[in-house]
């Protein structure tokens, strides 16, 4: 499950970077970034407790 969250976070960060370069999606890009950061934080928190 941890690797799945990591993969999702990486995909969302890549999507955010593409959106920043393209600047066509507006606020959606920042939502993707927030979701990616939350996924990474959850991954690190769960890894530290297990």
PDB file of N, CA and C in Angstrom:
ATOM      1  N   UNK A   1       0.815  -1.197   0.000  1.00  0.00           N
ATOM      2  CA  UNK A   1       0.000   0.000   0.000  1.00  0.00           C
ATOM      3  C   UNK A   1       0.858   1.260   0.000  1.00  0.00           C
ATOM      4  N   UNK A   2       2.013   1.199   0.687  1.00  0.00           N
ATOM      5  CA  UNK A   2       2.874   2.371   0.745  1.00  0.00           C
ATOM      6  C   UNK A   2       3.425   2.709  -0.629  1.00  0.00           C
ATOM      7  N   UNK A   3       3.801   1.692  -1.387  1.00  0.00           N
ATOM      8  CA  UNK A   3       4.351   1.957  -2.713  1.00  0.00           C
ATOM      9  C   UNK A   3       3.286   2.536  -3.641  1.00  0.00           C
ATOM     10  N   UNK A   4       2.046   2.122  -3.461  1.00  0.00           N
ATOM     11  CA  UNK A   4       0.962   2.652  -4.274  1.00  0.00           C
ATOM     12  C   UNK A   4       0.774   4.137  -3.997  1.00  0.00           C
ATOM     13  N   UNK A   5       0.810   4.540  -2.727  1.00  0.00           N
ATOM     14  CA  UNK A   5       0.683   5.951  -2.385  1.00  0.00           C
ATOM     15  C   UNK A   5       1.855   6.751  -2.953  1.00  0.00           C
ATOM     16  N   UNK A   6       3.033   6.171  -2.911  1.00  0.00           N
ATOM     17  CA  UNK A   6       4.216   6.838  -3.450  1.00  0.00           C
ATOM     18  C   UNK A   6       4.079   7.037  -4.960  1.00  0.00           C
ATOM     19  N   UNK A   7       3.606   6.024  -5.660  1.00  0.00           N
ATOM     20  CA  UNK A   7       3.428   6.115  -7.109  1.00  0.00           C
ATOM     21  C   UNK A   7       2.393   7.182  -7.449  1.00  0.00           C
ATOM     22  N   UNK A   8       1.291   7.207  -6.704  1.00  0.00           N
ATOM     23  CA  UNK A   8       0.254   8.212  -6.942  1.00  0.00           C
ATOM     24  C   UNK A   8       0.817   9.607  -6.708  1.00  0.00           C
ATOM     25  N   UNK A   9       1.593   9.780  -5.635  1.00  0.00           N
ATOM     26  CA  UNK A   9       2.176  11.087  -5.334  1.00  0.00           C
ATOM     27  C   UNK A   9       3.116  11.535  -6.442  1.00  0.00           C
ATOM     28  N   UNK A  10       3.935  10.633  -6.944  1.00  0.00           N
ATOM     29  CA  UNK A  10       4.876  10.979  -8.015  1.00  0.00           C
ATOM     30  C   UNK A  10       4.120  11.362  -9.282  1.00  0.00           C
ATOM     31  N   UNK A  11       3.089  10.620  -9.610  1.00  0.00           N
ATOM     32  CA  UNK A  11       2.293  10.933 -10.804  1.00  0.00           C
ATOM     33  C   UNK A  11       1.644  12.305 -10.668  1.00  0.00           C
ATOM     34  N   UNK A  12       1.119  12.610  -9.470  1.00  0.00           N
ATOM     35  CA  UNK A  12       0.482  13.906  -9.269  1.00  0.00           C
ATOM     36  C   UNK A  12       1.493  15.051  -9.323  1.00  0.00           C
ATOM     37  N   UNK A  13       2.685  14.834  -8.800  1.00  0.00           N
ATOM     38  CA  UNK A  13       3.712  15.873  -8.872  1.00  0.00           C
ATOM     39  C   UNK A  13       4.133  16.119 -10.312  1.00  0.00           C
ATOM     40  N   UNK A  14       4.267  15.048 -11.088  1.00  0.00           N
ATOM     41  CA  UNK A  14       4.611  15.205 -12.504  1.00  0.00           C
ATOM     42  C   UNK A  14       3.501  15.960 -13.231  1.00  0.00           C
ATOM     43  N   UNK A  15       2.264  15.624 -12.916  1.00  0.00           N
ATOM     44  CA  UNK A  15       1.136  16.343 -13.512  1.00  0.00           C
ATOM     45  C   UNK A  15       1.139  17.815 -13.135  1.00  0.00           C
ATOM     46  N   UNK A  16       1.496  18.101 -11.886  1.00  0.00           N
ATOM     47  CA  UNK A  16       1.573  19.489 -11.436  1.00  0.00           C
ATOM     48  C   UNK A  16       2.658  20.244 -12.189  1.00  0.00           C
ATOM     49  N   UNK A  17       3.823  19.614 -12.356  1.00  0.00           N
ATOM     50  CA  UNK A  17       4.917  20.268 -13.082  1.00  0.00           C
ATOM     51  C   UNK A  17       4.532  20.551 -14.529  1.00  0.00           C
ATOM     52  N   UNK A  18       3.856  19.603 -15.160  1.00  0.00           N
ATOM     53  CA  UNK A  18       3.415  19.810 -16.544  1.00  0.00           C
ATOM     54  C   UNK A  18       2.413  20.964 -16.596  1.00  0.00           C
ATOM     55  N   UNK A  19       1.537  21.022 -15.627  1.00  0.00           N
ATOM     56  CA  UNK A  19       0.549  22.097 -15.575  1.00  0.00           C
ATOM     57  C   UNK A  19       1.166  23.458 -15.330  1.00  0.00           C
ATOM     58  N   UNK A  20       2.193  23.504 -14.481  1.00  0.00           N
ATOM     59  CA  UNK A  20       2.867  24.775 -14.227  1.00  0.00           C
ATOM     60  C   UNK A  20       3.533  25.274 -15.507  1.00  0.00           C
ATOM     61  N   UNK A  21       4.146  24.352 -16.240  1.00  0.00           N
ATOM     62  CA  UNK A  21       4.789  24.737 -17.495  1.00  0.00           C
ATOM     63  C   UNK A  21       3.735  25.193 -18.510  1.00  0.00           C
ATOM     64  N   UNK A  22       2.665  24.471 -18.599  1.00  0.00           N
ATOM     65  CA  UNK A  22       1.614  24.815 -19.552  1.00  0.00           C
ATOM     66  C   UNK A  22       0.738  25.967 -19.091  1.00  0.00           C
ATOM     67  N   UNK A  23       0.522  26.095 -17.804  1.00  0.00           N
ATOM     68  CA  UNK A  23      -0.271  27.157 -17.184  1.00  0.00           C
ATOM     69  C   UNK A  23      -1.670  27.247 -17.770  1.00  0.00           C
ATOM     70  N   UNK A  24      -2.249  26.114 -18.153  1.00  0.00           N
ATOM     71  CA  UNK A  24      -3.569  26.171 -18.750  1.00  0.00           C
ATOM     72  C   UNK A  24      -4.671  25.657 -17.824  1.00  0.00           C
ATOM     73  N   UNK A  25      -4.298  24.933 -16.761  1.00  0.00           N
ATOM     74  CA  UNK A  25      -5.316  24.337 -15.900  1.00  0.00           C
ATOM     75  C   UNK A  25      -5.654  25.196 -14.688  1.00  0.00           C
ATOM     76  N   UNK A  26      -4.885  26.240 -14.409  1.00  0.00           N
ATOM     77  CA  UNK A  26      -5.207  27.165 -13.332  1.00  0.00           C
ATOM     78  C   UNK A  26      -5.162  26.533 -11.954  1.00  0.00           C
ATOM     79  N   UNK A  27      -6.251  26.648 -11.197  1.00  0.00           N
ATOM     80  CA  UNK A  27      -6.303  26.189  -9.809  1.00  0.00           C
ATOM     81  C   UNK A  27      -6.236  24.678  -9.660  1.00  0.00           C
ATOM     82  N   UNK A  28      -6.579  23.945 -10.691  1.00  0.00           N
ATOM     83  CA  UNK A  28      -6.542  22.480 -10.617  1.00  0.00           C
ATOM     84  C   UNK A  28      -5.127  21.980 -10.341  1.00  0.00           C
ATOM     85  N   UNK A  29      -4.143  22.664 -10.855  1.00  0.00           N
ATOM     86  CA  UNK A  29      -2.754  22.258 -10.671  1.00  0.00           C
ATOM     87  C   UNK A  29      -2.376  22.336  -9.200  1.00  0.00           C
ATOM     88  N   UNK A  30      -2.814  23.369  -8.527  1.00  0.00           N
ATOM     89  CA  UNK A  30      -2.480  23.511  -7.113  1.00  0.00           C
ATOM     90  C   UNK A  30      -3.189  22.460  -6.266  1.00  0.00           C
ATOM     91  N   UNK A  31      -4.377  22.072  -6.676  1.00  0.00           N
ATOM     92  CA  UNK A  31      -5.080  20.990  -5.985  1.00  0.00           C
ATOM     93  C   UNK A  31      -4.304  19.685  -6.156  1.00  0.00           C
ATOM     94  N   UNK A  32      -3.781  19.432  -7.351  1.00  0.00           N
ATOM     95  CA  UNK A  32      -2.960  18.240  -7.578  1.00  0.00           C
ATOM     96  C   UNK A  32      -1.726  18.256  -6.694  1.00  0.00           C
ATOM     97  N   UNK A  33      -1.107  19.416  -6.554  1.00  0.00           N
ATOM     98  CA  UNK A  33       0.073  19.525  -5.704  1.00  0.00           C
ATOM     99  C   UNK A  33      -0.264  19.217  -4.253  1.00  0.00           C
ATOM    100  N   UNK A  34      -1.359  19.745  -3.765  1.00  0.00           N
ATOM    101  CA  UNK A  34      -1.761  19.494  -2.382  1.00  0.00           C
ATOM    102  C   UNK A  34      -2.035  18.012  -2.169  1.00  0.00           C
ATOM    103  N   UNK A  35      -2.717  17.368  -3.099  1.00  0.00           N
ATOM    104  CA  UNK A  35      -3.003  15.936  -2.984  1.00  0.00           C
ATOM    105  C   UNK A  35      -1.707  15.129  -2.991  1.00  0.00           C
ATOM    106  N   UNK A  36      -0.756  15.515  -3.839  1.00  0.00           N
ATOM    107  CA  UNK A  36       0.527  14.808  -3.903  1.00  0.00           C
ATOM    108  C   UNK A  36       1.298  14.954  -2.598  1.00  0.00           C
ATOM    109  N   UNK A  37       1.318  16.146  -2.040  1.00  0.00           N
ATOM    110  CA  UNK A  37       2.035  16.364  -0.779  1.00  0.00           C
ATOM    111  C   UNK A  37       1.385  15.578   0.349  1.00  0.00           C
ATOM    112  N   UNK A  38       0.063  15.559   0.393  1.00  0.00           N
ATOM    113  CA  UNK A  38      -0.638  14.791   1.426  1.00  0.00           C
ATOM    114  C   UNK A  38      -0.330  13.305   1.281  1.00  0.00           C
ATOM    115  N   UNK A  39      -0.294  12.810   0.055  1.00  0.00           N
ATOM    116  CA  UNK A  39       0.028  11.397  -0.167  1.00  0.00           C
ATOM    117  C   UNK A  39       1.439  11.074   0.296  1.00  0.00           C
ATOM    118  N   UNK A  40       2.380  11.950  -0.006  1.00  0.00           N
ATOM    119  CA  UNK A  40       3.754  11.726   0.452  1.00  0.00           C
ATOM    120  C   UNK A  40       3.843  11.751   1.976  1.00  0.00           C
ATOM    121  N   UNK A  41       3.162  12.701   2.607  1.00  0.00           N
ATOM    122  CA  UNK A  41       3.175  12.774   4.070  1.00  0.00           C
ATOM    123  C   UNK A  41       2.582  11.520   4.688  1.00  0.00           C
ATOM    124  N   UNK A  42       1.481  11.040   4.135  1.00  0.00           N
ATOM    125  CA  UNK A  42       0.880   9.804   4.642  1.00  0.00           C
ATOM    126  C   UNK A  42       1.826   8.631   4.490  1.00  0.00           C
ATOM    127  N   UNK A  43       2.535   8.583   3.371  1.00  0.00           N
ATOM    128  CA  UNK A  43       3.498   7.507   3.146  1.00  0.00           C
ATOM    129  C   UNK A  43       4.603   7.540   4.191  1.00  0.00           C
ATOM    130  N   UNK A  44       5.156   8.726   4.434  1.00  0.00           N
ATOM    131  CA  UNK A  44       6.246   8.840   5.413  1.00  0.00           C
ATOM    132  C   UNK A  44       5.763   8.580   6.826  1.00  0.00           C
ATOM    133  N   UNK A  45       4.561   9.026   7.156  1.00  0.00           N
ATOM    134  CA  UNK A  45       4.021   8.794   8.510  1.00  0.00           C
ATOM    135  C   UNK A  45       3.783   7.310   8.735  1.00  0.00           C
ATOM    136  N   UNK A  46       3.182   6.654   7.762  1.00  0.00           N
ATOM    137  CA  UNK A  46       2.917   5.224   7.913  1.00  0.00           C
ATOM    138  C   UNK A  46       4.207   4.403   7.941  1.00  0.00           C
ATOM    139  N   UNK A  47       5.199   4.813   7.180  1.00  0.00           N
ATOM    140  CA  UNK A  47       6.470   4.106   7.166  1.00  0.00           C
ATOM    141  C   UNK A  47       7.175   4.246   8.522  1.00  0.00           C
ATOM    142  N   UNK A  48       7.061   5.403   9.137  1.00  0.00           N
ATOM    143  CA  UNK A  48       7.719   5.643  10.426  1.00  0.00           C
ATOM    144  C   UNK A  48       7.068   4.876  11.564  1.00  0.00           C
ATOM    145  N   UNK A  49       5.764   4.621  11.486  1.00  0.00           N
ATOM    146  CA  UNK A  49       5.069   3.946  12.578  1.00  0.00           C
ATOM    147  C   UNK A  49       5.079   2.443  12.446  1.00  0.00           C
ATOM    148  N   UNK A  50       5.299   1.931  11.225  1.00  0.00           N
ATOM    149  CA  UNK A  50       5.254   0.482  11.014  1.00  0.00           C
ATOM    150  C   UNK A  50       6.605  -0.127  11.278  1.00  0.00           C
TER     151      UNK A  50
END
